[in-house]
Amino acid sequence: IAEGFESKTQALFIRYLAIAKASAGEVRSQLYVAQDVKYLTEQQFTTLFQMAEKAS
């Protein structure tokens, strides 16, 4: 987002925002994987998932 903020055009900044949002979606997806393989407890998953949603 910071890199996009420093870009020369609003369109490029919007593109960086879209990339950041997609990356946040990847984080949420990886949280599901971590939960499936029992790396995270249900409580940890819920907390981290809510944080990821809030950030995106």
PDB file of N, CA and C in Angstrom:
ATOM      1  N   ILE A   1       0.835  -1.184   0.000  1.00  0.00           N
ATOM      2  CA  ILE A   1       0.000   0.000   0.000  1.00  0.00           C
ATOM      3  C   ILE A   1       0.880   1.247   0.000  1.00  0.00           C
ATOM      4  N   ALA A   2       1.942   1.222   0.808  1.00  0.00           N
ATOM      5  CA  ALA A   2       2.839   2.376   0.855  1.00  0.00           C
ATOM      6  C   ALA A   2       3.477   2.626  -0.508  1.00  0.00           C
ATOM      7  N   GLU A   3       3.871   1.553  -1.175  1.00  0.00           N
ATOM      8  CA  GLU A   3       4.475   1.699  -2.498  1.00  0.00           C
ATOM      9  C   GLU A   3       3.473   2.311  -3.471  1.00  0.00           C
ATOM     10  N   GLY A   4       2.236   1.864  -3.414  1.00  0.00           N
ATOM     11  CA  GLY A   4       1.208   2.414  -4.280  1.00  0.00           C
ATOM     12  C   GLY A   4       0.899   3.864  -3.968  1.00  0.00           C
ATOM     13  N   PHE A   5       0.961   4.211  -2.689  1.00  0.00           N
ATOM     14  CA  PHE A   5       0.708   5.590  -2.270  1.00  0.00           C
ATOM     15  C   PHE A   5       1.718   6.540  -2.899  1.00  0.00           C
ATOM     16  N   GLU A   6       2.923   6.041  -3.084  1.00  0.00           N
ATOM     17  CA  GLU A   6       3.985   6.859  -3.675  1.00  0.00           C
ATOM     18  C   GLU A   6       3.973   6.841  -5.199  1.00  0.00           C
ATOM     19  N   SER A   7       3.042   6.114  -5.793  1.00  0.00           N
ATOM     20  CA  SER A   7       3.002   6.031  -7.254  1.00  0.00           C
ATOM     21  C   SER A   7       2.535   7.347  -7.854  1.00  0.00           C
ATOM     22  N   LYS A   8       2.716   7.450  -9.159  1.00  0.00           N
ATOM     23  CA  LYS A   8       2.449   8.716  -9.840  1.00  0.00           C
ATOM     24  C   LYS A   8       0.991   8.915 -10.223  1.00  0.00           C
ATOM     25  N   THR A   9       0.226   7.835 -10.283  1.00  0.00           N
ATOM     26  CA  THR A   9      -1.159   7.976 -10.718  1.00  0.00           C
ATOM     27  C   THR A   9      -2.106   7.317  -9.721  1.00  0.00           C
ATOM     28  N   GLN A  10      -3.318   7.812  -9.723  1.00  0.00           N
ATOM     29  CA  GLN A  10      -4.339   7.232  -8.858  1.00  0.00           C
ATOM     30  C   GLN A  10      -4.670   5.807  -9.299  1.00  0.00           C
ATOM     31  N   ALA A  11      -4.654   5.572 -10.592  1.00  0.00           N
ATOM     32  CA  ALA A  11      -4.951   4.227 -11.104  1.00  0.00           C
ATOM     33  C   ALA A  11      -3.931   3.211 -10.595  1.00  0.00           C
ATOM     34  N   LEU A  12      -2.679   3.594 -10.548  1.00  0.00           N
ATOM     35  CA  LEU A  12      -1.643   2.690 -10.048  1.00  0.00           C
ATOM     36  C   LEU A  12      -1.819   2.447  -8.548  1.00  0.00           C
ATOM     37  N   PHE A  13      -2.168   3.492  -7.821  1.00  0.00           N
ATOM     38  CA  PHE A  13      -2.427   3.339  -6.391  1.00  0.00           C
ATOM     39  C   PHE A  13      -3.582   2.368  -6.160  1.00  0.00           C
ATOM     40  N   ILE A  14      -4.637   2.498  -6.937  1.00  0.00           N
ATOM     41  CA  ILE A  14      -5.786   1.593  -6.821  1.00  0.00           C
ATOM     42  C   ILE A  14      -5.365   0.161  -7.134  1.00  0.00           C
ATOM     43  N   ARG A  15      -4.487  -0.011  -8.097  1.00  0.00           N
ATOM     44  CA  ARG A  15      -3.983  -1.355  -8.431  1.00  0.00           C
ATOM     45  C   ARG A  15      -3.249  -1.955  -7.236  1.00  0.00           C
ATOM     46  N   TYR A  16      -2.425  -1.164  -6.578  1.00  0.00           N
ATOM     47  CA  TYR A  16      -1.710  -1.658  -5.403  1.00  0.00           C
ATOM     48  C   TYR A  16      -2.679  -2.010  -4.275  1.00  0.00           C
ATOM     49  N   LEU A  17      -3.734  -1.244  -4.128  1.00  0.00           N
ATOM     50  CA  LEU A  17      -4.745  -1.575  -3.117  1.00  0.00           C
ATOM     51  C   LEU A  17      -5.398  -2.918  -3.430  1.00  0.00           C
ATOM     52  N   ALA A  18      -5.689  -3.154  -4.693  1.00  0.00           N
ATOM     53  CA  ALA A  18      -6.300  -4.427  -5.097  1.00  0.00           C
ATOM     54  C   ALA A  18      -5.350  -5.592  -4.831  1.00  0.00           C
ATOM     55  N   ILE A  19      -4.072  -5.389  -5.097  1.00  0.00           N
ATOM     56  CA  ILE A  19      -3.082  -6.439  -4.825  1.00  0.00           C
ATOM     57  C   ILE A  19      -3.013  -6.716  -3.330  1.00  0.00           C
ATOM     58  N   ALA A  20      -3.031  -5.672  -2.522  1.00  0.00           N
ATOM     59  CA  ALA A  20      -2.985  -5.846  -1.065  1.00  0.00           C
ATOM     60  C   ALA A  20      -4.214  -6.601  -0.570  1.00  0.00           C
ATOM     61  N   LYS A  21      -5.374  -6.292  -1.133  1.00  0.00           N
ATOM     62  CA  LYS A  21      -6.597  -6.989  -0.731  1.00  0.00           C
ATOM     63  C   LYS A  21      -6.525  -8.465  -1.115  1.00  0.00           C
ATOM     64  N   ALA A  22      -6.010  -8.749  -2.294  1.00  0.00           N
ATOM     65  CA  ALA A  22      -5.857 -10.141  -2.722  1.00  0.00           C
ATOM     66  C   ALA A  22      -4.865 -10.877  -1.825  1.00  0.00           C
ATOM     67  N   SER A  23      -3.815 -10.205  -1.422  1.00  0.00           N
ATOM     68  CA  SER A  23      -2.832 -10.818  -0.521  1.00  0.00           C
ATOM     69  C   SER A  23      -3.456 -11.135   0.826  1.00  0.00           C
ATOM     70  N   ALA A  24      -4.325 -10.268   1.301  1.00  0.00           N
ATOM     71  CA  ALA A  24      -5.030 -10.540   2.555  1.00  0.00           C
ATOM     72  C   ALA A  24      -5.915 -11.776   2.403  1.00  0.00           C
ATOM     73  N   GLY A  25      -6.492 -11.954   1.229  1.00  0.00           N
ATOM     74  CA  GLY A  25      -7.275 -13.158   0.965  1.00  0.00           C
ATOM     75  C   GLY A  25      -6.412 -14.409   1.009  1.00  0.00           C
ATOM     76  N   GLU A  26      -5.185 -14.291   0.528  1.00  0.00           N
ATOM     77  CA  GLU A  26      -4.255 -15.422   0.598  1.00  0.00           C
ATOM     78  C   GLU A  26      -3.944 -15.775   2.050  1.00  0.00           C
ATOM     79  N   VAL A  27      -3.798 -14.766   2.885  1.00  0.00           N
ATOM     80  CA  VAL A  27      -3.541 -15.013   4.312  1.00  0.00           C
ATOM     81  C   VAL A  27      -4.703 -15.786   4.918  1.00  0.00           C
ATOM     82  N   ARG A  28      -5.925 -15.361   4.624  1.00  0.00           N
ATOM     83  CA  ARG A  28      -7.095 -16.066   5.160  1.00  0.00           C
ATOM     84  C   ARG A  28      -7.117 -17.513   4.678  1.00  0.00           C
ATOM     85  N   SER A  29      -6.771 -17.726   3.426  1.00  0.00           N
ATOM     86  CA  SER A  29      -6.726 -19.081   2.882  1.00  0.00           C
ATOM     87  C   SER A  29      -5.690 -19.932   3.616  1.00  0.00           C
ATOM     88  N   GLN A  30      -4.536 -19.374   3.878  1.00  0.00           N
ATOM     89  CA  GLN A  30      -3.491 -20.112   4.590  1.00  0.00           C
ATOM     90  C   GLN A  30      -3.879 -20.391   6.039  1.00  0.00           C
ATOM     91  N   LEU A  31      -4.692 -19.531   6.616  1.00  0.00           N
ATOM     92  CA  LEU A  31      -5.190 -19.801   7.966  1.00  0.00           C
ATOM     93  C   LEU A  31      -6.066 -21.049   7.972  1.00  0.00           C
ATOM     94  N   TYR A  32      -6.873 -21.225   6.931  1.00  0.00           N
ATOM     95  CA  TYR A  32      -7.681 -22.447   6.835  1.00  0.00           C
ATOM     96  C   TYR A  32      -6.787 -23.682   6.744  1.00  0.00           C
ATOM     97  N   VAL A  33      -5.717 -23.580   5.970  1.00  0.00           N
ATOM     98  CA  VAL A  33      -4.782 -24.704   5.852  1.00  0.00           C
ATOM     99  C   VAL A  33      -4.162 -25.003   7.212  1.00  0.00           C
ATOM    100  N   ALA A  34      -3.719 -23.970   7.906  1.00  0.00           N
ATOM    101  CA  ALA A  34      -3.103 -24.157   9.223  1.00  0.00           C
ATOM    102  C   ALA A  34      -4.078 -24.798  10.201  1.00  0.00           C
ATOM    103  N   GLN A  35      -5.332 -24.435  10.104  1.00  0.00           N
ATOM    104  CA  GLN A  35      -6.351 -25.041  10.971  1.00  0.00           C
ATOM    105  C   GLN A  35      -6.578 -26.505  10.583  1.00  0.00           C
ATOM    106  N   ASP A  36      -6.650 -26.775   9.299  1.00  0.00           N
ATOM    107  CA  ASP A  36      -6.893 -28.146   8.825  1.00  0.00           C
ATOM    108  C   ASP A  36      -5.810 -29.125   9.270  1.00  0.00           C
ATOM    109  N   VAL A  37      -4.567 -28.667   9.303  1.00  0.00           N
ATOM    110  CA  VAL A  37      -3.467 -29.553   9.707  1.00  0.00           C
ATOM    111  C   VAL A  37      -3.195 -29.463  11.213  1.00  0.00           C
ATOM    112  N   LYS A  38      -4.129 -28.834  11.920  1.00  0.00           N
ATOM    113  CA  LYS A  38      -4.068 -28.743  13.389  1.00  0.00           C
ATOM    114  C   LYS A  38      -2.869 -27.942  13.899  1.00  0.00           C
ATOM    115  N   TYR A  39      -2.393 -27.006  13.096  1.00  0.00           N
ATOM    116  CA  TYR A  39      -1.310 -26.129  13.532  1.00  0.00           C
ATOM    117  C   TYR A  39      -1.847 -25.046  14.459  1.00  0.00           C
ATOM    118  N   LEU A  40      -3.112 -24.668  14.250  1.00  0.00           N
ATOM    119  CA  LEU A  40      -3.769 -23.650  15.069  1.00  0.00           C
ATOM    120  C   LEU A  40      -4.935 -24.259  15.823  1.00  0.00           C
ATOM    121  N   THR A  41      -5.164 -23.755  17.019  1.00  0.00           N
ATOM    122  CA  THR A  41      -6.376 -24.123  17.739  1.00  0.00           C
ATOM    123  C   THR A  41      -7.537 -23.346  17.131  1.00  0.00           C
ATOM    124  N   GLU A  42      -8.739 -23.745  17.475  1.00  0.00           N
ATOM    125  CA  GLU A  42      -9.922 -23.025  16.982  1.00  0.00           C
ATOM    126  C   GLU A  42      -9.884 -21.566  17.427  1.00  0.00           C
ATOM    127  N   GLN A  43      -9.486 -21.345  18.661  1.00  0.00           N
ATOM    128  CA  GLN A  43      -9.397 -19.979  19.202  1.00  0.00           C
ATOM    129  C   GLN A  43      -8.355 -19.156  18.437  1.00  0.00           C
ATOM    130  N   GLN A  44      -7.198 -19.735  18.193  1.00  0.00           N
ATOM    131  CA  GLN A  44      -6.158 -19.029  17.444  1.00  0.00           C
ATOM    132  C   GLN A  44      -6.634 -18.710  16.033  1.00  0.00           C
ATOM    133  N   PHE A  45      -7.258 -19.696  15.392  1.00  0.00           N
ATOM    134  CA  PHE A  45      -7.771 -19.485  14.041  1.00  0.00           C
ATOM    135  C   PHE A  45      -8.767 -18.337  14.026  1.00  0.00           C
ATOM    136  N   THR A  46      -9.716 -18.375  14.944  1.00  0.00           N
ATOM    137  CA  THR A  46     -10.759 -17.346  14.979  1.00  0.00           C
ATOM    138  C   THR A  46     -10.158 -15.963  15.182  1.00  0.00           C
ATOM    139  N   THR A  47      -9.244 -15.851  16.127  1.00  0.00           N
ATOM    140  CA  THR A  47      -8.615 -14.561  16.405  1.00  0.00           C
ATOM    141  C   THR A  47      -7.856 -14.043  15.187  1.00  0.00           C
ATOM    142  N   LEU A  48      -7.035 -14.897  14.601  1.00  0.00           N
ATOM    143  CA  LEU A  48      -6.238 -14.480  13.450  1.00  0.00           C
ATOM    144  C   LEU A  48      -7.105 -14.188  12.232  1.00  0.00           C
ATOM    145  N   PHE A  49      -8.141 -14.990  12.031  1.00  0.00           N
ATOM    146  CA  PHE A  49      -9.029 -14.771  10.890  1.00  0.00           C
ATOM    147  C   PHE A  49      -9.749 -13.431  11.024  1.00  0.00           C
ATOM    148  N   GLN A  50     -10.215 -13.122  12.221  1.00  0.00           N
ATOM    149  CA  GLN A  50     -10.881 -11.838  12.442  1.00  0.00           C
ATOM    150  C   GLN A  50      -9.921 -10.674  12.218  1.00  0.00           C
ATOM    151  N   MET A  51      -8.690 -10.834  12.654  1.00  0.00           N
ATOM    152  CA  MET A  51      -7.687  -9.791  12.429  1.00  0.00           C
ATOM    153  C   MET A  51      -7.425  -9.599  10.937  1.00  0.00           C
ATOM    154  N   ALA A  52      -7.339 -10.703  10.208  1.00  0.00           N
ATOM    155  CA  ALA A  52      -7.097 -10.624   8.768  1.00  0.00           C
ATOM    156  C   ALA A  52      -8.272  -9.967   8.051  1.00  0.00           C
ATOM    157  N   GLU A  53      -9.481 -10.300   8.466  1.00  0.00           N
ATOM    158  CA  GLU A  53     -10.662  -9.670   7.856  1.00  0.00           C
ATOM    159  C   GLU A  53     -10.686  -8.177   8.133  1.00  0.00           C
ATOM    160  N   LYS A  54     -10.377  -7.810   9.358  1.00  0.00           N
ATOM    161  CA  LYS A  54     -10.383  -6.393   9.728  1.00  0.00           C
ATOM    162  C   LYS A  54      -9.333  -5.615   8.935  1.00  0.00           C
ATOM    163  N   ALA A  55      -8.176  -6.224   8.749  1.00  0.00           N
ATOM    164  CA  ALA A  55      -7.100  -5.557   8.011  1.00  0.00           C
ATOM    165  C   ALA A  55      -7.430  -5.388   6.532  1.00  0.00           C
ATOM    166  N   SER A  56      -8.266  -6.276   6.013  1.00  0.00           N
ATOM    167  CA  SER A  56      -8.571  -6.193   4.585  1.00  0.00           C
ATOM    168  C   SER A  56      -9.884  -5.490   4.361  1.00  0.00           C
TER     169      SER A  56
END
